[in-house]
Amino acid sequence: MGENEHAPKGRVPGTVPGTGPGEPMEKKDLRIAELERERDEYLDSLQRLKAEFDNFRKRTARESAAQSARASEALVKELLPVLDDLERALVAAEDHEEAKLEEGVRLVHRALADVLVRAGLSEIETGGAFDPHVHEALLAQPVEGAEPGSVVEVIQKGYRLGDRVLRPARVVVAQ
């Protein structure tokens, strides 16, 4: 098989499509110039698209960081009154006023819990059967009257933020 047998009919190997061997050199040069111009337009378009995408990615990252900062600011703003209540409880402790100290700590606990509930925090239920998706078994022990696989003691409460588990409840499970 010769070299020319693979080339399409009417085409000489090593020539630009659309330019035949009988065409004058000027016409070939014009066709090459046209193809180069088209190539350059595509390259320019691709480079612009790449730059636009880079700008989009950077803008999205900036907006995400700004939104995160605003969310943190809102949470801290809501926690400031809790900090004030805690400071008042500490002042009461310095004065050895145990009743006021206990009342102050309860007030702070309630205020903090309210802020966290408004932010979407909820406590994980621990009554009933052990659920490995929301519970972490620290110990399994035999317990009279308890059904095997049921939660019998909560060592540390677990919490969800929306539908995501922030911290599983640490529990003791009956064998």
N, C-alpha and C. Protein backbone atom coordinates (compact mmCIF):
# COMPACT_ATOMS: atom_id res chain seq x y z
N MET A 1 0.84 -1.19 0.00
CA MET A 1 0.00 0.00 0.00
C MET A 1 0.88 1.24 0.00
N GLY A 2 0.55 2.15 -0.84
CA GLY A 2 1.34 3.37 -0.94
C GLY A 2 0.83 4.43 0.02
N GLU A 3 1.58 5.50 0.12
CA GLU A 3 1.27 6.59 1.04
C GLU A 3 -0.02 7.29 0.64
N ASN A 4 -0.30 7.41 -0.64
CA ASN A 4 -1.45 8.14 -1.12
C ASN A 4 -2.74 7.34 -1.02
N GLU A 5 -2.67 6.05 -0.76
CA GLU A 5 -3.87 5.22 -0.71
C GLU A 5 -4.74 5.56 0.50
N HIS A 6 -4.17 6.14 1.59
CA HIS A 6 -4.94 6.48 2.80
C HIS A 6 -5.58 7.85 2.71
N ALA A 7 -5.13 8.68 1.82
CA ALA A 7 -5.68 10.03 1.70
C ALA A 7 -7.01 9.96 0.98
N PRO A 8 -7.98 10.83 1.36
CA PRO A 8 -9.25 10.85 0.65
C PRO A 8 -9.03 11.18 -0.82
N LYS A 9 -9.95 10.69 -1.66
CA LYS A 9 -9.81 10.92 -3.10
C LYS A 9 -9.84 12.41 -3.38
N GLY A 10 -9.00 12.83 -4.26
CA GLY A 10 -8.96 14.23 -4.65
C GLY A 10 -8.12 15.08 -3.71
N ARG A 11 -7.52 14.48 -2.71
CA ARG A 11 -6.73 15.25 -1.75
C ARG A 11 -5.30 14.76 -1.77
N VAL A 12 -4.41 15.67 -1.79
CA VAL A 12 -3.00 15.34 -1.78
C VAL A 12 -2.53 15.38 -0.33
N PRO A 13 -1.85 14.32 0.14
CA PRO A 13 -1.38 14.32 1.53
C PRO A 13 -0.53 15.55 1.82
N GLY A 14 -0.75 16.13 3.03
CA GLY A 14 0.04 17.27 3.45
C GLY A 14 -0.54 18.60 2.99
N THR A 15 -1.76 18.59 2.41
CA THR A 15 -2.37 19.84 1.99
C THR A 15 -3.52 20.18 2.93
N VAL A 16 -3.93 21.42 2.91
CA VAL A 16 -5.04 21.89 3.75
C VAL A 16 -6.34 21.57 3.04
N PRO A 17 -7.35 20.99 3.76
CA PRO A 17 -8.63 20.71 3.11
C PRO A 17 -9.21 22.00 2.53
N GLY A 18 -9.86 21.89 1.41
CA GLY A 18 -10.45 23.06 0.78
C GLY A 18 -9.49 23.75 -0.18
N THR A 19 -8.25 23.29 -0.19
CA THR A 19 -7.30 23.85 -1.15
C THR A 19 -6.78 22.70 -1.99
N GLY A 20 -7.06 22.71 -3.24
CA GLY A 20 -6.64 21.63 -4.13
C GLY A 20 -5.26 21.92 -4.70
N PRO A 21 -4.68 20.90 -5.34
CA PRO A 21 -3.34 21.09 -5.90
C PRO A 21 -3.32 22.08 -7.05
N GLY A 22 -4.47 22.24 -7.69
CA GLY A 22 -4.48 23.14 -8.83
C GLY A 22 -4.79 24.57 -8.45
N GLU A 23 -5.05 24.85 -7.19
CA GLU A 23 -5.41 26.20 -6.79
C GLU A 23 -4.17 27.08 -6.74
N PRO A 24 -4.36 28.33 -7.07
CA PRO A 24 -3.20 29.23 -7.00
C PRO A 24 -2.76 29.43 -5.55
N MET A 25 -1.52 29.79 -5.35
CA MET A 25 -0.93 29.95 -4.02
C MET A 25 -1.69 31.01 -3.21
N GLU A 26 -2.18 32.05 -3.85
CA GLU A 26 -2.90 33.10 -3.14
C GLU A 26 -4.15 32.54 -2.46
N LYS A 27 -4.87 31.69 -3.15
CA LYS A 27 -6.09 31.11 -2.60
C LYS A 27 -5.77 30.22 -1.40
N LYS A 28 -4.67 29.44 -1.49
CA LYS A 28 -4.25 28.60 -0.37
C LYS A 28 -3.86 29.47 0.82
N ASP A 29 -3.15 30.54 0.58
CA ASP A 29 -2.74 31.44 1.66
C ASP A 29 -3.95 32.08 2.32
N LEU A 30 -4.95 32.45 1.50
CA LEU A 30 -6.17 33.03 2.06
C LEU A 30 -6.91 32.02 2.94
N ARG A 31 -6.98 30.79 2.47
CA ARG A 31 -7.67 29.74 3.24
C ARG A 31 -6.93 29.48 4.55
N ILE A 32 -5.62 29.42 4.50
CA ILE A 32 -4.81 29.22 5.72
C ILE A 32 -5.01 30.39 6.67
N ALA A 33 -5.00 31.60 6.14
CA ALA A 33 -5.20 32.78 6.98
C ALA A 33 -6.57 32.75 7.62
N GLU A 34 -7.58 32.31 6.85
CA GLU A 34 -8.94 32.22 7.39
C GLU A 34 -9.01 31.19 8.52
N LEU A 35 -8.39 30.03 8.30
CA LEU A 35 -8.38 28.99 9.34
C LEU A 35 -7.61 29.45 10.58
N GLU A 36 -6.52 30.17 10.39
CA GLU A 36 -5.76 30.69 11.54
C GLU A 36 -6.58 31.71 12.32
N ARG A 37 -7.30 32.56 11.58
CA ARG A 37 -8.16 33.56 12.23
C ARG A 37 -9.25 32.86 13.05
N GLU A 38 -9.86 31.84 12.47
CA GLU A 38 -10.90 31.08 13.16
C GLU A 38 -10.33 30.40 14.41
N ARG A 39 -9.14 29.81 14.27
CA ARG A 39 -8.48 29.18 15.42
C ARG A 39 -8.23 30.21 16.52
N ASP A 40 -7.74 31.39 16.14
CA ASP A 40 -7.45 32.44 17.12
C ASP A 40 -8.73 32.91 17.82
N GLU A 41 -9.84 32.98 17.08
CA GLU A 41 -11.12 33.37 17.69
C GLU A 41 -11.55 32.34 18.72
N TYR A 42 -11.42 31.06 18.37
CA TYR A 42 -11.78 30.00 19.32
C TYR A 42 -10.89 30.04 20.56
N LEU A 43 -9.61 30.24 20.35
CA LEU A 43 -8.67 30.33 21.47
C LEU A 43 -9.01 31.51 22.36
N ASP A 44 -9.29 32.66 21.74
CA ASP A 44 -9.66 33.86 22.51
C ASP A 44 -10.93 33.61 23.30
N SER A 45 -11.91 32.99 22.65
CA SER A 45 -13.18 32.69 23.32
C SER A 45 -12.96 31.75 24.52
N LEU A 46 -12.12 30.75 24.31
CA LEU A 46 -11.82 29.80 25.39
C LEU A 46 -11.10 30.49 26.55
N GLN A 47 -10.16 31.37 26.25
CA GLN A 47 -9.44 32.10 27.30
C GLN A 47 -10.37 33.02 28.07
N ARG A 48 -11.30 33.67 27.37
CA ARG A 48 -12.29 34.53 28.05
C ARG A 48 -13.19 33.70 28.97
N LEU A 49 -13.62 32.55 28.47
CA LEU A 49 -14.47 31.67 29.27
C LEU A 49 -13.73 31.20 30.52
N LYS A 50 -12.47 30.87 30.37
CA LYS A 50 -11.65 30.45 31.52
C LYS A 50 -11.53 31.58 32.53
N ALA A 51 -11.29 32.80 32.06
CA ALA A 51 -11.18 33.95 32.96
C ALA A 51 -12.51 34.22 33.67
N GLU A 52 -13.62 34.10 32.95
CA GLU A 52 -14.94 34.29 33.56
C GLU A 52 -15.18 33.25 34.65
N PHE A 53 -14.80 32.01 34.37
CA PHE A 53 -14.99 30.95 35.37
C PHE A 53 -14.12 31.20 36.60
N ASP A 54 -12.88 31.61 36.40
CA ASP A 54 -12.00 31.93 37.54
C ASP A 54 -12.60 33.06 38.37
N ASN A 55 -13.12 34.09 37.72
CA ASN A 55 -13.75 35.20 38.44
C ASN A 55 -14.98 34.73 39.20
N PHE A 56 -15.78 33.87 38.57
CA PHE A 56 -16.97 33.32 39.23
C PHE A 56 -16.58 32.53 40.48
N ARG A 57 -15.54 31.69 40.34
CA ARG A 57 -15.09 30.88 41.48
C ARG A 57 -14.61 31.77 42.62
N LYS A 58 -13.85 32.81 42.30
CA LYS A 58 -13.34 33.72 43.34
C LYS A 58 -14.48 34.49 44.00
N ARG A 59 -15.44 34.97 43.18
CA ARG A 59 -16.57 35.72 43.73
C ARG A 59 -17.41 34.83 44.64
N THR A 60 -17.63 33.58 44.23
CA THR A 60 -18.40 32.64 45.04
C THR A 60 -17.70 32.37 46.37
N ALA A 61 -16.39 32.21 46.35
CA ALA A 61 -15.63 31.99 47.59
C ALA A 61 -15.74 33.20 48.51
N ARG A 62 -15.64 34.42 47.95
CA ARG A 62 -15.77 35.64 48.77
C ARG A 62 -17.16 35.73 49.39
N GLU A 63 -18.19 35.46 48.58
CA GLU A 63 -19.56 35.54 49.07
C GLU A 63 -19.81 34.51 50.16
N SER A 64 -19.27 33.32 49.99
CA SER A 64 -19.42 32.27 51.00
C SER A 64 -18.75 32.67 52.31
N ALA A 65 -17.56 33.23 52.22
CA ALA A 65 -16.85 33.68 53.43
C ALA A 65 -17.62 34.81 54.12
N ALA A 66 -18.17 35.72 53.33
CA ALA A 66 -18.95 36.83 53.90
C ALA A 66 -20.22 36.31 54.58
N GLN A 67 -20.87 35.35 53.97
CA GLN A 67 -22.09 34.79 54.57
C GLN A 67 -21.75 34.06 55.87
N SER A 68 -20.66 33.35 55.90
CA SER A 68 -20.23 32.66 57.11
C SER A 68 -19.93 33.66 58.22
N ALA A 69 -19.27 34.76 57.86
CA ALA A 69 -18.97 35.80 58.85
C ALA A 69 -20.25 36.42 59.40
N ARG A 70 -21.23 36.66 58.53
CA ARG A 70 -22.51 37.22 59.00
C ARG A 70 -23.23 36.26 59.93
N ALA A 71 -23.18 34.96 59.62
CA ALA A 71 -23.83 33.97 60.48
C ALA A 71 -23.14 33.92 61.84
N SER A 72 -21.83 33.96 61.86
CA SER A 72 -21.09 33.96 63.13
C SER A 72 -21.42 35.21 63.92
N GLU A 73 -21.49 36.34 63.24
CA GLU A 73 -21.81 37.60 63.91
C GLU A 73 -23.19 37.53 64.56
N ALA A 74 -24.15 36.98 63.86
CA ALA A 74 -25.51 36.88 64.39
C ALA A 74 -25.54 35.99 65.64
N LEU A 75 -24.83 34.87 65.60
CA LEU A 75 -24.80 33.96 66.75
C LEU A 75 -24.12 34.62 67.94
N VAL A 76 -22.99 35.28 67.71
CA VAL A 76 -22.27 35.94 68.80
C VAL A 76 -23.14 37.05 69.40
N LYS A 77 -23.86 37.78 68.56
CA LYS A 77 -24.75 38.84 69.04
C LYS A 77 -25.81 38.27 70.00
N GLU A 78 -26.32 37.09 69.65
CA GLU A 78 -27.33 36.47 70.51
C GLU A 78 -26.72 35.92 71.79
N LEU A 79 -25.43 35.59 71.76
CA LEU A 79 -24.78 35.03 72.95
C LEU A 79 -24.32 36.12 73.93
N LEU A 80 -24.24 37.37 73.50
CA LEU A 80 -23.77 38.44 74.38
C LEU A 80 -24.63 38.58 75.65
N PRO A 81 -25.95 38.54 75.56
CA PRO A 81 -26.75 38.61 76.79
C PRO A 81 -26.46 37.43 77.74
N VAL A 82 -26.17 36.27 77.18
CA VAL A 82 -25.82 35.11 78.01
C VAL A 82 -24.52 35.39 78.75
N LEU A 83 -23.56 35.99 78.07
CA LEU A 83 -22.30 36.37 78.70
C LEU A 83 -22.54 37.37 79.83
N ASP A 84 -23.43 38.34 79.59
CA ASP A 84 -23.77 39.32 80.63
C ASP A 84 -24.37 38.62 81.85
N ASP A 85 -25.29 37.68 81.62
CA ASP A 85 -25.91 36.95 82.74
C ASP A 85 -24.87 36.14 83.50
N LEU A 86 -23.95 35.55 82.81
CA LEU A 86 -22.89 34.77 83.45
C LEU A 86 -22.01 35.67 84.32
N GLU A 87 -21.70 36.85 83.83
CA GLU A 87 -20.91 37.80 84.63
C GLU A 87 -21.66 38.20 85.90
N ARG A 88 -22.97 38.41 85.80
CA ARG A 88 -23.76 38.75 87.00
C ARG A 88 -23.75 37.59 87.99
N ALA A 89 -23.81 36.35 87.48
CA ALA A 89 -23.76 35.17 88.36
C ALA A 89 -22.41 35.10 89.06
N LEU A 90 -21.34 35.42 88.38
CA LEU A 90 -20.01 35.41 89.00
C LEU A 90 -19.89 36.48 90.08
N VAL A 91 -20.49 37.65 89.86
CA VAL A 91 -20.49 38.70 90.88
C VAL A 91 -21.25 38.21 92.11
N ALA A 92 -22.36 37.52 91.91
CA ALA A 92 -23.13 36.98 93.03
C ALA A 92 -22.31 35.93 93.78
N ALA A 93 -21.50 35.16 93.07
CA ALA A 93 -20.66 34.15 93.72
C ALA A 93 -19.60 34.81 94.59
N GLU A 94 -19.06 35.94 94.14
CA GLU A 94 -18.07 36.66 94.94
C GLU A 94 -18.67 37.16 96.25
N ASP A 95 -19.94 37.50 96.22
CA ASP A 95 -20.62 38.00 97.42
C ASP A 95 -21.14 36.86 98.29
N HIS A 96 -20.84 35.61 97.94
CA HIS A 96 -21.26 34.42 98.69
C HIS A 96 -22.77 34.34 98.84
N GLU A 97 -23.46 34.69 97.81
CA GLU A 97 -24.91 34.60 97.82
C GLU A 97 -25.30 33.37 97.01
N GLU A 98 -25.30 32.19 97.70
CA GLU A 98 -25.51 30.92 97.03
C GLU A 98 -26.86 30.85 96.29
N ALA A 99 -27.90 31.37 96.90
CA ALA A 99 -29.22 31.32 96.27
C ALA A 99 -29.21 32.12 94.97
N LYS A 100 -28.59 33.30 95.00
CA LYS A 100 -28.52 34.11 93.79
C LYS A 100 -27.60 33.46 92.75
N LEU A 101 -26.54 32.80 93.21
CA LEU A 101 -25.63 32.12 92.31
C LEU A 101 -26.37 31.01 91.55
N GLU A 102 -27.10 30.18 92.30
CA GLU A 102 -27.85 29.09 91.65
C GLU A 102 -28.88 29.65 90.69
N GLU A 103 -29.58 30.68 91.10
CA GLU A 103 -30.58 31.30 90.24
C GLU A 103 -29.91 31.89 88.99
N GLY A 104 -28.75 32.50 89.16
CA GLY A 104 -28.02 33.09 88.04
C GLY A 104 -27.55 32.02 87.06
N VAL A 105 -27.04 30.91 87.58
CA VAL A 105 -26.58 29.83 86.71
C VAL A 105 -27.76 29.23 85.95
N ARG A 106 -28.89 29.06 86.60
CA ARG A 106 -30.08 28.55 85.92
C ARG A 106 -30.53 29.52 84.82
N LEU A 107 -30.47 30.81 85.11
CA LEU A 107 -30.84 31.83 84.13
C LEU A 107 -29.92 31.76 82.91
N VAL A 108 -28.62 31.65 83.16
CA VAL A 108 -27.65 31.57 82.06
C VAL A 108 -27.89 30.30 81.24
N HIS A 109 -28.11 29.18 81.90
CA HIS A 109 -28.37 27.92 81.21
C HIS A 109 -29.60 28.04 80.32
N ARG A 110 -30.66 28.59 80.85
CA ARG A 110 -31.90 28.74 80.10
C ARG A 110 -31.68 29.68 78.91
N ALA A 111 -30.99 30.79 79.12
CA ALA A 111 -30.76 31.76 78.04
C ALA A 111 -29.90 31.14 76.93
N LEU A 112 -28.86 30.40 77.32
CA LEU A 112 -27.99 29.76 76.32
C LEU A 112 -28.77 28.69 75.55
N ALA A 113 -29.54 27.90 76.25
CA ALA A 113 -30.34 26.86 75.60
C ALA A 113 -31.33 27.48 74.61
N ASP A 114 -31.95 28.60 74.99
CA ASP A 114 -32.89 29.27 74.09
C ASP A 114 -32.20 29.78 72.81
N VAL A 115 -31.02 30.36 72.98
CA VAL A 115 -30.27 30.85 71.81
C VAL A 115 -29.95 29.69 70.88
N LEU A 116 -29.48 28.59 71.44
CA LEU A 116 -29.10 27.44 70.62
C LEU A 116 -30.30 26.80 69.93
N VAL A 117 -31.44 26.76 70.61
CA VAL A 117 -32.66 26.22 69.99
C VAL A 117 -33.08 27.10 68.82
N ARG A 118 -33.00 28.42 68.99
CA ARG A 118 -33.33 29.33 67.88
C ARG A 118 -32.37 29.15 66.71
N ALA A 119 -31.13 28.75 66.99
CA ALA A 119 -30.14 28.51 65.93
C ALA A 119 -30.35 27.14 65.26
N GLY A 120 -31.30 26.33 65.76
CA GLY A 120 -31.60 25.04 65.14
C GLY A 120 -31.08 23.84 65.89
N LEU A 121 -30.56 24.01 67.10
CA LEU A 121 -30.02 22.90 67.88
C LEU A 121 -31.17 22.15 68.57
N SER A 122 -31.07 20.83 68.55
CA SER A 122 -32.05 20.01 69.28
C SER A 122 -31.33 18.83 69.91
N GLU A 123 -31.87 18.39 71.04
CA GLU A 123 -31.27 17.27 71.77
C GLU A 123 -31.70 15.96 71.13
N ILE A 124 -30.78 15.00 71.07
CA ILE A 124 -31.08 13.68 70.51
C ILE A 124 -31.82 12.87 71.57
N GLU A 125 -32.91 12.25 71.14
CA GLU A 125 -33.68 11.41 72.04
C GLU A 125 -32.86 10.18 72.43
N THR A 126 -32.92 9.82 73.70
CA THR A 126 -32.15 8.66 74.15
C THR A 126 -33.02 7.57 74.76
N GLY A 127 -34.30 7.79 74.83
CA GLY A 127 -35.19 6.77 75.37
C GLY A 127 -35.46 5.71 74.31
N GLY A 128 -35.50 4.46 74.72
CA GLY A 128 -35.81 3.40 73.77
C GLY A 128 -34.58 2.66 73.29
N ALA A 129 -34.67 2.16 72.08
CA ALA A 129 -33.62 1.30 71.51
C ALA A 129 -32.39 2.10 71.08
N PHE A 130 -31.25 1.44 71.13
CA PHE A 130 -29.98 2.01 70.69
C PHE A 130 -30.01 2.21 69.18
N ASP A 131 -29.62 3.40 68.72
CA ASP A 131 -29.56 3.71 67.29
C ASP A 131 -28.12 4.16 66.98
N PRO A 132 -27.36 3.35 66.25
CA PRO A 132 -25.95 3.70 65.99
C PRO A 132 -25.76 4.98 65.18
N HIS A 133 -26.81 5.49 64.56
CA HIS A 133 -26.70 6.73 63.78
C HIS A 133 -26.67 7.95 64.68
N VAL A 134 -27.24 7.83 65.88
CA VAL A 134 -27.31 9.00 66.77
C VAL A 134 -26.77 8.71 68.17
N HIS A 135 -26.46 7.46 68.46
CA HIS A 135 -25.93 7.09 69.79
C HIS A 135 -24.53 6.49 69.65
N GLU A 136 -23.74 6.67 70.67
CA GLU A 136 -22.43 6.04 70.75
C GLU A 136 -22.43 5.21 72.03
N ALA A 137 -22.32 3.89 71.89
CA ALA A 137 -22.35 3.01 73.06
C ALA A 137 -20.97 3.00 73.71
N LEU A 138 -20.91 3.45 74.96
CA LEU A 138 -19.66 3.43 75.69
C LEU A 138 -19.49 2.14 76.48
N LEU A 139 -20.63 1.54 76.80
CA LEU A 139 -20.61 0.35 77.63
C LEU A 139 -21.88 -0.46 77.38
N ALA A 140 -21.74 -1.77 77.39
CA ALA A 140 -22.89 -2.66 77.31
C ALA A 140 -22.85 -3.52 78.55
N GLN A 141 -23.93 -3.52 79.30
CA GLN A 141 -23.96 -4.29 80.54
C GLN A 141 -25.33 -4.91 80.75
N PRO A 142 -25.34 -6.05 81.47
CA PRO A 142 -26.64 -6.67 81.76
C PRO A 142 -27.41 -5.85 82.79
N VAL A 143 -28.68 -5.62 82.49
CA VAL A 143 -29.54 -4.85 83.39
C VAL A 143 -30.85 -5.60 83.53
N GLU A 144 -31.22 -5.92 84.78
CA GLU A 144 -32.48 -6.65 85.01
C GLU A 144 -33.66 -5.80 84.61
N GLY A 145 -34.59 -6.43 83.90
CA GLY A 145 -35.82 -5.75 83.50
C GLY A 145 -35.66 -4.89 82.26
N ALA A 146 -34.46 -4.73 81.76
CA ALA A 146 -34.25 -3.92 80.55
C ALA A 146 -34.12 -4.83 79.34
N GLU A 147 -34.71 -4.42 78.26
CA GLU A 147 -34.65 -5.18 77.03
C GLU A 147 -33.25 -5.04 76.41
N PRO A 148 -32.64 -6.14 75.95
CA PRO A 148 -31.32 -6.05 75.32
C PRO A 148 -31.33 -5.06 74.15
N GLY A 149 -30.32 -4.24 74.08
CA GLY A 149 -30.22 -3.25 73.01
C GLY A 149 -30.89 -1.93 73.32
N SER A 150 -31.43 -1.80 74.53
CA SER A 150 -32.07 -0.55 74.89
C SER A 150 -31.09 0.34 75.66
N VAL A 151 -31.30 1.63 75.56
CA VAL A 151 -30.46 2.61 76.26
C VAL A 151 -30.91 2.64 77.72
N VAL A 152 -29.96 2.41 78.65
CA VAL A 152 -30.31 2.41 80.07
C VAL A 152 -29.74 3.60 80.83
N GLU A 153 -28.72 4.26 80.26
CA GLU A 153 -28.15 5.42 80.93
C GLU A 153 -27.51 6.34 79.89
N VAL A 154 -27.63 7.64 80.12
CA VAL A 154 -27.01 8.62 79.22
C VAL A 154 -25.79 9.21 79.94
N ILE A 155 -24.63 9.02 79.36
CA ILE A 155 -23.39 9.55 79.93
C ILE A 155 -23.21 11.01 79.50
N GLN A 156 -23.49 11.29 78.22
CA GLN A 156 -23.37 12.64 77.68
C GLN A 156 -24.46 12.84 76.63
N LYS A 157 -25.18 13.95 76.74
CA LYS A 157 -26.25 14.24 75.78
C LYS A 157 -25.68 14.43 74.38
N GLY A 158 -26.49 14.08 73.40
CA GLY A 158 -26.12 14.29 72.01
C GLY A 158 -27.01 15.37 71.41
N TYR A 159 -26.51 16.01 70.34
CA TYR A 159 -27.24 17.12 69.74
C TYR A 159 -27.21 17.05 68.22
N ARG A 160 -28.29 17.60 67.63
CA ARG A 160 -28.40 17.77 66.18
C ARG A 160 -28.48 19.26 65.89
N LEU A 161 -27.96 19.64 64.75
CA LEU A 161 -28.15 20.99 64.24
C LEU A 161 -28.91 20.81 62.93
N GLY A 162 -30.18 21.13 62.95
CA GLY A 162 -31.05 20.81 61.81
C GLY A 162 -31.20 19.31 61.76
N ASP A 163 -30.83 18.70 60.64
CA ASP A 163 -30.92 17.24 60.53
C ASP A 163 -29.56 16.56 60.60
N ARG A 164 -28.50 17.31 60.91
CA ARG A 164 -27.15 16.75 61.03
C ARG A 164 -26.81 16.49 62.49
N VAL A 165 -26.19 15.36 62.76
CA VAL A 165 -25.76 15.03 64.12
C VAL A 165 -24.45 15.78 64.38
N LEU A 166 -24.49 16.68 65.39
CA LEU A 166 -23.27 17.39 65.78
C LEU A 166 -22.42 16.53 66.70
N ARG A 167 -23.11 15.91 67.64
CA ARG A 167 -22.42 15.03 68.59
C ARG A 167 -23.40 13.92 68.97
N PRO A 168 -22.99 12.66 68.81
CA PRO A 168 -23.90 11.57 69.19
C PRO A 168 -24.04 11.50 70.71
N ALA A 169 -25.16 10.99 71.16
CA ALA A 169 -25.37 10.80 72.59
C ALA A 169 -24.52 9.61 73.03
N ARG A 170 -23.78 9.78 74.11
CA ARG A 170 -22.95 8.69 74.64
C ARG A 170 -23.77 7.98 75.71
N VAL A 171 -23.97 6.67 75.50
CA VAL A 171 -24.93 5.94 76.32
C VAL A 171 -24.39 4.59 76.78
N VAL A 172 -25.10 4.04 77.79
CA VAL A 172 -24.87 2.67 78.24
C VAL A 172 -26.05 1.86 77.70
N VAL A 173 -25.74 0.68 77.13
CA VAL A 173 -26.75 -0.14 76.49
C VAL A 173 -26.90 -1.44 77.27
N ALA A 174 -28.15 -1.88 77.40
CA ALA A 174 -28.42 -3.15 78.09
C ALA A 174 -28.06 -4.33 77.18
N GLN A 175 -27.48 -5.39 77.81
CA GLN A 175 -27.13 -6.60 77.05
C GLN A 175 -28.27 -7.59 77.10
